[in-house]
Amino acid sequence: MMSQGFEFRLKKVLEYREEKVKQAQKSLTEARIILMNEEGRLSSLKDELNNVNITAKGEGNLLDLQEAITSCRYMDYLDVCICEQQHRVSEKKGVLEDKRCEILERTRERKILSTLEEKQYNLFLKDMDIKEQKLSDEFALSIYNRRCRQEK
């Protein structure tokens, strides 16, 4: 794509910014995986609470007092765990949103340099065209002058 002889002076900076975008994408992927794991734990806790509720209601009057107290305490424990897990999930969602904002910012920074490179490349091509046109004009003028001299 780039013409021979074109050298972008900020190439190292552009490469650095491209690397930062890749790192941000990797970080975003990791944050998504962590969020999915936390949501999975939350779902498991909710399923466990539902199972305990179904079991307690299904047995109805068959539970003795000790089993009822134990079941109630376990459900309270699961409620606390669910609240804590919901808090963790909301924190991870915040982290994920921060990662998205970071990747957008990094992409914007890289895009600025890419646009600058493209503009400089277009200027380079325009300059090369002008030089080529001058050489062509000089060559044509030289040929014209030779023919004029030969005719005299």
N, C-alpha and C. Protein backbone atom coordinates (compact mmCIF):
# COMPACT_ATOMS: atom_id res chain seq x y z
N MET A 1 0.82 -1.19 0.00
CA MET A 1 0.00 0.00 0.00
C MET A 1 0.86 1.25 0.00
N MET A 2 1.80 1.32 0.89
CA MET A 2 2.64 2.52 0.99
C MET A 2 3.71 2.47 -0.10
N SER A 3 3.92 3.61 -0.70
CA SER A 3 4.87 3.72 -1.80
C SER A 3 6.29 3.64 -1.26
N GLN A 4 7.16 3.16 -2.12
CA GLN A 4 8.56 3.07 -1.76
C GLN A 4 9.10 4.48 -1.59
N GLY A 5 9.81 4.70 -0.51
CA GLY A 5 10.37 6.02 -0.24
C GLY A 5 9.57 6.80 0.77
N PHE A 6 8.34 6.37 1.06
CA PHE A 6 7.53 7.08 2.06
C PHE A 6 7.90 6.59 3.44
N GLU A 7 8.19 7.52 4.33
CA GLU A 7 8.53 7.19 5.70
C GLU A 7 7.68 8.05 6.63
N PHE A 8 6.83 7.41 7.42
CA PHE A 8 6.00 8.12 8.39
C PHE A 8 6.84 8.34 9.63
N ARG A 9 7.04 9.60 9.98
CA ARG A 9 7.93 9.92 11.10
C ARG A 9 7.39 9.42 12.44
N LEU A 10 6.10 9.29 12.58
CA LEU A 10 5.51 8.87 13.85
C LEU A 10 5.12 7.39 13.83
N LYS A 11 5.81 6.61 13.01
CA LYS A 11 5.48 5.19 12.86
C LYS A 11 5.58 4.44 14.18
N LYS A 12 6.60 4.72 14.95
CA LYS A 12 6.79 4.03 16.24
C LYS A 12 5.64 4.36 17.19
N VAL A 13 5.22 5.60 17.18
CA VAL A 13 4.10 6.02 18.04
C VAL A 13 2.83 5.31 17.59
N LEU A 14 2.63 5.23 16.28
CA LEU A 14 1.45 4.54 15.75
C LEU A 14 1.48 3.07 16.14
N GLU A 15 2.62 2.43 16.00
CA GLU A 15 2.74 1.03 16.39
C GLU A 15 2.47 0.85 17.89
N TYR A 16 2.97 1.78 18.70
CA TYR A 16 2.74 1.73 20.14
C TYR A 16 1.24 1.83 20.44
N ARG A 17 0.58 2.74 19.76
CA ARG A 17 -0.86 2.92 19.99
C ARG A 17 -1.65 1.71 19.50
N GLU A 18 -1.21 1.10 18.41
CA GLU A 18 -1.87 -0.12 17.93
C GLU A 18 -1.71 -1.24 18.96
N GLU A 19 -0.54 -1.32 19.56
CA GLU A 19 -0.29 -2.33 20.60
C GLU A 19 -1.18 -2.06 21.81
N LYS A 20 -1.36 -0.81 22.17
CA LYS A 20 -2.23 -0.45 23.29
C LYS A 20 -3.68 -0.84 23.01
N VAL A 21 -4.12 -0.69 21.76
CA VAL A 21 -5.47 -1.10 21.38
C VAL A 21 -5.61 -2.61 21.55
N LYS A 22 -4.61 -3.36 21.11
CA LYS A 22 -4.65 -4.82 21.25
C LYS A 22 -4.70 -5.22 22.72
N GLN A 23 -3.90 -4.54 23.55
CA GLN A 23 -3.90 -4.83 24.99
C GLN A 23 -5.27 -4.51 25.60
N ALA A 24 -5.86 -3.41 25.17
CA ALA A 24 -7.17 -3.03 25.69
C ALA A 24 -8.23 -4.04 25.26
N GLN A 25 -8.13 -4.56 24.03
CA GLN A 25 -9.07 -5.58 23.57
C GLN A 25 -8.93 -6.86 24.39
N LYS A 26 -7.68 -7.22 24.67
CA LYS A 26 -7.43 -8.42 25.47
C LYS A 26 -7.98 -8.23 26.88
N SER A 27 -7.77 -7.06 27.43
CA SER A 27 -8.26 -6.74 28.76
C SER A 27 -9.79 -6.77 28.80
N LEU A 28 -10.42 -6.27 27.75
CA LEU A 28 -11.88 -6.29 27.65
C LEU A 28 -12.39 -7.73 27.61
N THR A 29 -11.73 -8.57 26.85
CA THR A 29 -12.11 -9.98 26.75
C THR A 29 -12.00 -10.66 28.12
N GLU A 30 -10.91 -10.38 28.82
CA GLU A 30 -10.73 -10.96 30.16
C GLU A 30 -11.82 -10.47 31.11
N ALA A 31 -12.17 -9.20 31.02
CA ALA A 31 -13.22 -8.65 31.89
C ALA A 31 -14.56 -9.31 31.58
N ARG A 32 -14.83 -9.57 30.31
CA ARG A 32 -16.08 -10.25 29.93
C ARG A 32 -16.13 -11.66 30.51
N ILE A 33 -15.00 -12.36 30.45
CA ILE A 33 -14.95 -13.72 30.98
C ILE A 33 -15.19 -13.70 32.49
N ILE A 34 -14.56 -12.77 33.18
CA ILE A 34 -14.74 -12.66 34.63
C ILE A 34 -16.20 -12.35 34.96
N LEU A 35 -16.81 -11.43 34.20
CA LEU A 35 -18.21 -11.10 34.43
C LEU A 35 -19.11 -12.32 34.21
N MET A 36 -18.84 -13.07 33.15
CA MET A 36 -19.65 -14.27 32.88
C MET A 36 -19.51 -15.28 34.02
N ASN A 37 -18.31 -15.43 34.56
CA ASN A 37 -18.10 -16.35 35.69
C ASN A 37 -18.87 -15.88 36.92
N GLU A 38 -18.82 -14.59 37.20
CA GLU A 38 -19.55 -14.05 38.36
C GLU A 38 -21.05 -14.21 38.18
N GLU A 39 -21.54 -13.96 36.96
CA GLU A 39 -22.97 -14.15 36.70
C GLU A 39 -23.36 -15.62 36.82
N GLY A 40 -22.47 -16.51 36.43
CA GLY A 40 -22.71 -17.95 36.59
C GLY A 40 -22.81 -18.34 38.05
N ARG A 41 -21.93 -17.77 38.88
CA ARG A 41 -22.00 -18.05 40.32
C ARG A 41 -23.32 -17.54 40.90
N LEU A 42 -23.72 -16.33 40.47
CA LEU A 42 -24.98 -15.77 40.94
C LEU A 42 -26.15 -16.66 40.55
N SER A 43 -26.15 -17.12 39.33
CA SER A 43 -27.21 -18.01 38.86
C SER A 43 -27.23 -19.31 39.66
N SER A 44 -26.06 -19.84 39.96
CA SER A 44 -25.99 -21.08 40.74
C SER A 44 -26.56 -20.87 42.14
N LEU A 45 -26.24 -19.74 42.75
CA LEU A 45 -26.77 -19.46 44.08
C LEU A 45 -28.29 -19.32 44.06
N LYS A 46 -28.81 -18.64 43.04
CA LYS A 46 -30.27 -18.49 42.92
C LYS A 46 -30.94 -19.84 42.69
N ASP A 47 -30.31 -20.67 41.86
CA ASP A 47 -30.86 -22.02 41.63
C ASP A 47 -30.87 -22.83 42.93
N GLU A 48 -29.79 -22.72 43.69
CA GLU A 48 -29.70 -23.45 44.96
C GLU A 48 -30.79 -22.97 45.92
N LEU A 49 -31.02 -21.67 45.99
CA LEU A 49 -32.08 -21.13 46.85
C LEU A 49 -33.45 -21.63 46.40
N ASN A 50 -33.68 -21.64 45.11
CA ASN A 50 -34.95 -22.16 44.58
C ASN A 50 -35.13 -23.64 44.93
N ASN A 51 -34.06 -24.41 44.81
CA ASN A 51 -34.13 -25.83 45.14
C ASN A 51 -34.44 -26.05 46.62
N VAL A 52 -33.83 -25.26 47.47
CA VAL A 52 -34.08 -25.38 48.91
C VAL A 52 -35.52 -24.99 49.21
N ASN A 53 -36.00 -23.93 48.57
CA ASN A 53 -37.40 -23.51 48.77
C ASN A 53 -38.37 -24.59 48.32
N ILE A 54 -38.11 -25.16 47.15
CA ILE A 54 -38.98 -26.23 46.63
C ILE A 54 -38.95 -27.44 47.55
N THR A 55 -37.77 -27.79 48.02
CA THR A 55 -37.63 -28.94 48.91
C THR A 55 -38.37 -28.69 50.22
N ALA A 56 -38.21 -27.48 50.78
CA ALA A 56 -38.86 -27.16 52.06
C ALA A 56 -40.37 -27.14 51.90
N LYS A 57 -40.86 -26.59 50.81
CA LYS A 57 -42.31 -26.53 50.60
C LYS A 57 -42.87 -27.90 50.23
N GLY A 58 -42.07 -28.68 49.53
CA GLY A 58 -42.53 -30.00 49.11
C GLY A 58 -42.70 -30.95 50.27
N GLU A 59 -41.83 -30.85 51.23
CA GLU A 59 -41.93 -31.74 52.38
C GLU A 59 -42.99 -31.24 53.36
N GLY A 60 -43.27 -29.96 53.30
CA GLY A 60 -44.35 -29.38 54.09
C GLY A 60 -44.29 -29.72 55.56
N ASN A 61 -45.26 -30.46 56.03
CA ASN A 61 -45.40 -30.77 57.45
C ASN A 61 -44.46 -31.89 57.90
N LEU A 62 -43.78 -32.52 56.97
CA LEU A 62 -42.93 -33.66 57.31
C LEU A 62 -41.62 -33.23 57.98
N LEU A 63 -41.26 -31.93 57.88
CA LEU A 63 -40.02 -31.47 58.49
C LEU A 63 -40.19 -31.36 59.99
N ASP A 64 -39.19 -31.81 60.71
CA ASP A 64 -39.23 -31.56 62.14
C ASP A 64 -38.66 -30.18 62.42
N LEU A 65 -38.73 -29.73 63.62
CA LEU A 65 -38.35 -28.37 63.98
C LEU A 65 -36.87 -28.10 63.67
N GLN A 66 -36.01 -29.03 63.97
CA GLN A 66 -34.57 -28.85 63.75
C GLN A 66 -34.27 -28.70 62.26
N GLU A 67 -34.89 -29.51 61.42
CA GLU A 67 -34.69 -29.42 59.98
C GLU A 67 -35.23 -28.10 59.43
N ALA A 68 -36.35 -27.64 59.97
CA ALA A 68 -36.93 -26.37 59.53
C ALA A 68 -36.01 -25.21 59.88
N ILE A 69 -35.45 -25.23 61.08
CA ILE A 69 -34.53 -24.16 61.50
C ILE A 69 -33.28 -24.18 60.63
N THR A 70 -32.74 -25.37 60.40
CA THR A 70 -31.54 -25.51 59.57
C THR A 70 -31.82 -25.03 58.15
N SER A 71 -32.96 -25.41 57.61
CA SER A 71 -33.34 -25.00 56.26
C SER A 71 -33.50 -23.48 56.18
N CYS A 72 -34.12 -22.90 57.20
CA CYS A 72 -34.32 -21.45 57.23
C CYS A 72 -32.99 -20.71 57.31
N ARG A 73 -32.10 -21.21 58.16
CA ARG A 73 -30.77 -20.57 58.27
C ARG A 73 -29.99 -20.68 56.96
N TYR A 74 -30.10 -21.84 56.31
CA TYR A 74 -29.40 -22.02 55.03
C TYR A 74 -29.96 -21.07 53.97
N MET A 75 -31.28 -20.89 53.95
CA MET A 75 -31.88 -19.96 52.99
C MET A 75 -31.44 -18.52 53.28
N ASP A 76 -31.34 -18.17 54.59
CA ASP A 76 -30.84 -16.83 54.95
C ASP A 76 -29.40 -16.66 54.49
N TYR A 77 -28.59 -17.72 54.70
CA TYR A 77 -27.21 -17.69 54.24
C TYR A 77 -27.14 -17.50 52.72
N LEU A 78 -27.97 -18.23 52.00
CA LEU A 78 -28.00 -18.11 50.54
C LEU A 78 -28.44 -16.70 50.11
N ASP A 79 -29.41 -16.12 50.83
CA ASP A 79 -29.83 -14.74 50.53
C ASP A 79 -28.67 -13.76 50.68
N VAL A 80 -27.90 -13.92 51.74
CA VAL A 80 -26.73 -13.05 51.97
C VAL A 80 -25.71 -13.26 50.85
N CYS A 81 -25.46 -14.52 50.51
CA CYS A 81 -24.50 -14.83 49.43
C CYS A 81 -24.97 -14.24 48.10
N ILE A 82 -26.27 -14.31 47.85
CA ILE A 82 -26.82 -13.77 46.60
C ILE A 82 -26.64 -12.26 46.56
N CYS A 83 -26.89 -11.58 47.68
CA CYS A 83 -26.69 -10.13 47.73
C CYS A 83 -25.24 -9.75 47.47
N GLU A 84 -24.33 -10.48 48.12
CA GLU A 84 -22.90 -10.21 47.92
C GLU A 84 -22.51 -10.48 46.47
N GLN A 85 -23.03 -11.55 45.91
CA GLN A 85 -22.69 -11.89 44.52
C GLN A 85 -23.27 -10.87 43.56
N GLN A 86 -24.47 -10.37 43.83
CA GLN A 86 -25.05 -9.32 42.98
C GLN A 86 -24.18 -8.07 43.02
N HIS A 87 -23.64 -7.77 44.20
CA HIS A 87 -22.74 -6.63 44.32
C HIS A 87 -21.47 -6.86 43.49
N ARG A 88 -20.91 -8.07 43.55
CA ARG A 88 -19.73 -8.39 42.75
C ARG A 88 -20.02 -8.28 41.26
N VAL A 89 -21.19 -8.77 40.85
CA VAL A 89 -21.57 -8.70 39.44
C VAL A 89 -21.69 -7.25 39.00
N SER A 90 -22.31 -6.41 39.82
CA SER A 90 -22.43 -5.00 39.44
C SER A 90 -21.06 -4.32 39.38
N GLU A 91 -20.14 -4.70 40.27
CA GLU A 91 -18.77 -4.17 40.20
C GLU A 91 -18.09 -4.60 38.90
N LYS A 92 -18.25 -5.86 38.55
CA LYS A 92 -17.63 -6.37 37.31
C LYS A 92 -18.23 -5.72 36.08
N LYS A 93 -19.53 -5.40 36.13
CA LYS A 93 -20.14 -4.68 35.02
C LYS A 93 -19.53 -3.28 34.89
N GLY A 94 -19.25 -2.65 36.03
CA GLY A 94 -18.60 -1.34 36.01
C GLY A 94 -17.19 -1.44 35.43
N VAL A 95 -16.47 -2.48 35.81
CA VAL A 95 -15.12 -2.70 35.26
C VAL A 95 -15.20 -2.92 33.76
N LEU A 96 -16.18 -3.70 33.34
CA LEU A 96 -16.35 -3.97 31.91
C LEU A 96 -16.64 -2.68 31.15
N GLU A 97 -17.48 -1.84 31.71
CA GLU A 97 -17.80 -0.56 31.06
C GLU A 97 -16.55 0.33 30.99
N ASP A 98 -15.74 0.32 32.05
CA ASP A 98 -14.48 1.08 32.03
C ASP A 98 -13.56 0.57 30.92
N LYS A 99 -13.51 -0.74 30.76
CA LYS A 99 -12.66 -1.33 29.71
C LYS A 99 -13.17 -0.94 28.33
N ARG A 100 -14.49 -0.88 28.17
CA ARG A 100 -15.04 -0.45 26.89
C ARG A 100 -14.65 1.00 26.59
N CYS A 101 -14.77 1.84 27.60
CA CYS A 101 -14.39 3.25 27.41
C CYS A 101 -12.90 3.37 27.09
N GLU A 102 -12.09 2.54 27.76
CA GLU A 102 -10.65 2.57 27.51
C GLU A 102 -10.35 2.16 26.07
N ILE A 103 -10.99 1.12 25.59
CA ILE A 103 -10.73 0.66 24.22
C ILE A 103 -11.19 1.70 23.21
N LEU A 104 -12.29 2.39 23.49
CA LEU A 104 -12.75 3.45 22.59
C LEU A 104 -11.74 4.59 22.54
N GLU A 105 -11.22 4.96 23.70
CA GLU A 105 -10.22 6.04 23.75
C GLU A 105 -8.94 5.65 23.02
N ARG A 106 -8.48 4.44 23.28
CA ARG A 106 -7.25 3.97 22.61
C ARG A 106 -7.45 3.90 21.10
N THR A 107 -8.61 3.43 20.68
CA THR A 107 -8.90 3.34 19.25
C THR A 107 -8.95 4.74 18.64
N ARG A 108 -9.53 5.68 19.36
CA ARG A 108 -9.60 7.06 18.87
C ARG A 108 -8.18 7.64 18.70
N GLU A 109 -7.32 7.40 19.68
CA GLU A 109 -5.93 7.88 19.60
C GLU A 109 -5.20 7.28 18.40
N ARG A 110 -5.40 5.97 18.19
CA ARG A 110 -4.75 5.31 17.07
C ARG A 110 -5.29 5.84 15.75
N LYS A 111 -6.58 6.07 15.70
CA LYS A 111 -7.23 6.55 14.48
C LYS A 111 -6.70 7.93 14.10
N ILE A 112 -6.44 8.76 15.08
CA ILE A 112 -5.90 10.09 14.81
C ILE A 112 -4.56 9.96 14.09
N LEU A 113 -3.69 9.09 14.59
CA LEU A 113 -2.38 8.91 13.96
C LEU A 113 -2.51 8.24 12.59
N SER A 114 -3.44 7.32 12.46
CA SER A 114 -3.65 6.67 11.16
C SER A 114 -4.10 7.69 10.12
N THR A 115 -4.98 8.58 10.52
CA THR A 115 -5.45 9.63 9.62
C THR A 115 -4.30 10.56 9.24
N LEU A 116 -3.48 10.89 10.23
CA LEU A 116 -2.32 11.74 9.94
C LEU A 116 -1.37 11.05 8.98
N GLU A 117 -1.14 9.76 9.18
CA GLU A 117 -0.27 9.01 8.26
C GLU A 117 -0.85 9.01 6.85
N GLU A 118 -2.14 8.80 6.76
CA GLU A 118 -2.78 8.79 5.45
C GLU A 118 -2.65 10.14 4.75
N LYS A 119 -2.84 11.22 5.51
CA LYS A 119 -2.71 12.56 4.92
C LYS A 119 -1.29 12.82 4.45
N GLN A 120 -0.32 12.41 5.28
CA GLN A 120 1.08 12.59 4.89
C GLN A 120 1.42 11.74 3.68
N TYR A 121 0.87 10.57 3.60
CA TYR A 121 1.11 9.70 2.44
C TYR A 121 0.52 10.33 1.18
N ASN A 122 -0.67 10.89 1.29
CA ASN A 122 -1.29 11.56 0.14
C ASN A 122 -0.48 12.77 -0.30
N LEU A 123 0.06 13.51 0.66
CA LEU A 123 0.93 14.64 0.32
C LEU A 123 2.20 14.15 -0.36
N PHE A 124 2.73 13.03 0.13
CA PHE A 124 3.91 12.44 -0.48
C PHE A 124 3.63 12.06 -1.93
N LEU A 125 2.48 11.42 -2.16
CA LEU A 125 2.11 11.04 -3.53
C LEU A 125 1.94 12.26 -4.42
N LYS A 126 1.32 13.30 -3.89
CA LYS A 126 1.12 14.52 -4.65
C LYS A 126 2.47 15.15 -4.99
N ASP A 127 3.38 15.15 -4.03
CA ASP A 127 4.72 15.69 -4.27
C ASP A 127 5.46 14.86 -5.31
N MET A 128 5.30 13.53 -5.24
CA MET A 128 5.95 12.66 -6.23
C MET A 128 5.36 12.91 -7.62
N ASP A 129 4.05 13.12 -7.70
CA ASP A 129 3.41 13.42 -8.98
C ASP A 129 3.94 14.73 -9.55
N ILE A 130 4.11 15.73 -8.70
CA ILE A 130 4.63 17.03 -9.15
C ILE A 130 6.05 16.87 -9.68
N LYS A 131 6.88 16.13 -8.94
CA LYS A 131 8.25 15.90 -9.38
C LYS A 131 8.28 15.15 -10.71
N GLU A 132 7.43 14.15 -10.81
CA GLU A 132 7.36 13.37 -12.04
C GLU A 132 6.91 14.25 -13.21
N GLN A 133 5.93 15.09 -12.95
CA GLN A 133 5.44 16.00 -13.99
C GLN A 133 6.53 16.97 -14.42
N LYS A 134 7.33 17.48 -13.46
CA LYS A 134 8.42 18.39 -13.79
C LYS A 134 9.45 17.69 -14.66
N LEU A 135 9.79 16.46 -14.29
CA LEU A 135 10.76 15.70 -15.10
C LEU A 135 10.22 15.46 -16.50
N SER A 136 8.96 15.11 -16.58
CA SER A 136 8.33 14.88 -17.87
C SER A 136 8.33 16.16 -18.71
N ASP A 137 8.01 17.29 -18.07
CA ASP A 137 8.01 18.58 -18.77
C ASP A 137 9.42 18.93 -19.24
N GLU A 138 10.42 18.72 -18.40
CA GLU A 138 11.80 19.02 -18.78
C GLU A 138 12.24 18.13 -19.94
N PHE A 139 11.86 16.87 -19.88
CA PHE A 139 12.20 15.95 -20.95
C PHE A 139 11.55 16.38 -22.27
N ALA A 140 10.28 16.72 -22.19
CA ALA A 140 9.57 17.18 -23.39
C ALA A 140 10.19 18.47 -23.93
N LEU A 141 10.56 19.39 -23.05
CA LEU A 141 11.18 20.64 -23.46
C LEU A 141 12.54 20.38 -24.10
N SER A 142 13.27 19.43 -23.51
CA SER A 142 14.58 19.08 -24.06
C SER A 142 14.43 18.51 -25.47
N ILE A 143 13.48 17.63 -25.65
CA ILE A 143 13.24 17.06 -26.98
C ILE A 143 12.81 18.15 -27.96
N TYR A 144 11.97 19.05 -27.55
CA TYR A 144 11.51 20.15 -28.39
C TYR A 144 12.68 21.04 -28.80
N ASN A 145 13.56 21.35 -27.83
CA ASN A 145 14.72 22.19 -28.13
C ASN A 145 15.65 21.49 -29.12
N ARG A 146 15.84 20.20 -28.99
CA ARG A 146 16.70 19.47 -29.92
C ARG A 146 16.12 19.52 -31.34
N ARG A 147 14.84 19.33 -31.45
CA ARG A 147 14.22 19.33 -32.76
C ARG A 147 14.30 20.73 -33.38
N CYS A 148 14.14 21.74 -32.55
CA CYS A 148 14.26 23.11 -33.08
C CYS A 148 15.68 23.37 -33.59
N ARG A 149 16.68 22.91 -32.88
CA ARG A 149 18.07 23.10 -33.28
C ARG A 149 18.37 22.33 -34.57
N GLN A 150 17.82 21.13 -34.67
CA GLN A 150 18.07 20.29 -35.84
C GLN A 150 17.42 20.91 -37.08
N GLU A 151 16.32 21.59 -36.93
CA GLU A 151 15.64 22.19 -38.05
C GLU A 151 16.38 23.42 -38.55
N LYS A 152 17.14 24.05 -37.72
CA LYS A 152 17.88 25.28 -38.13
C LYS A 152 19.08 24.98 -38.90
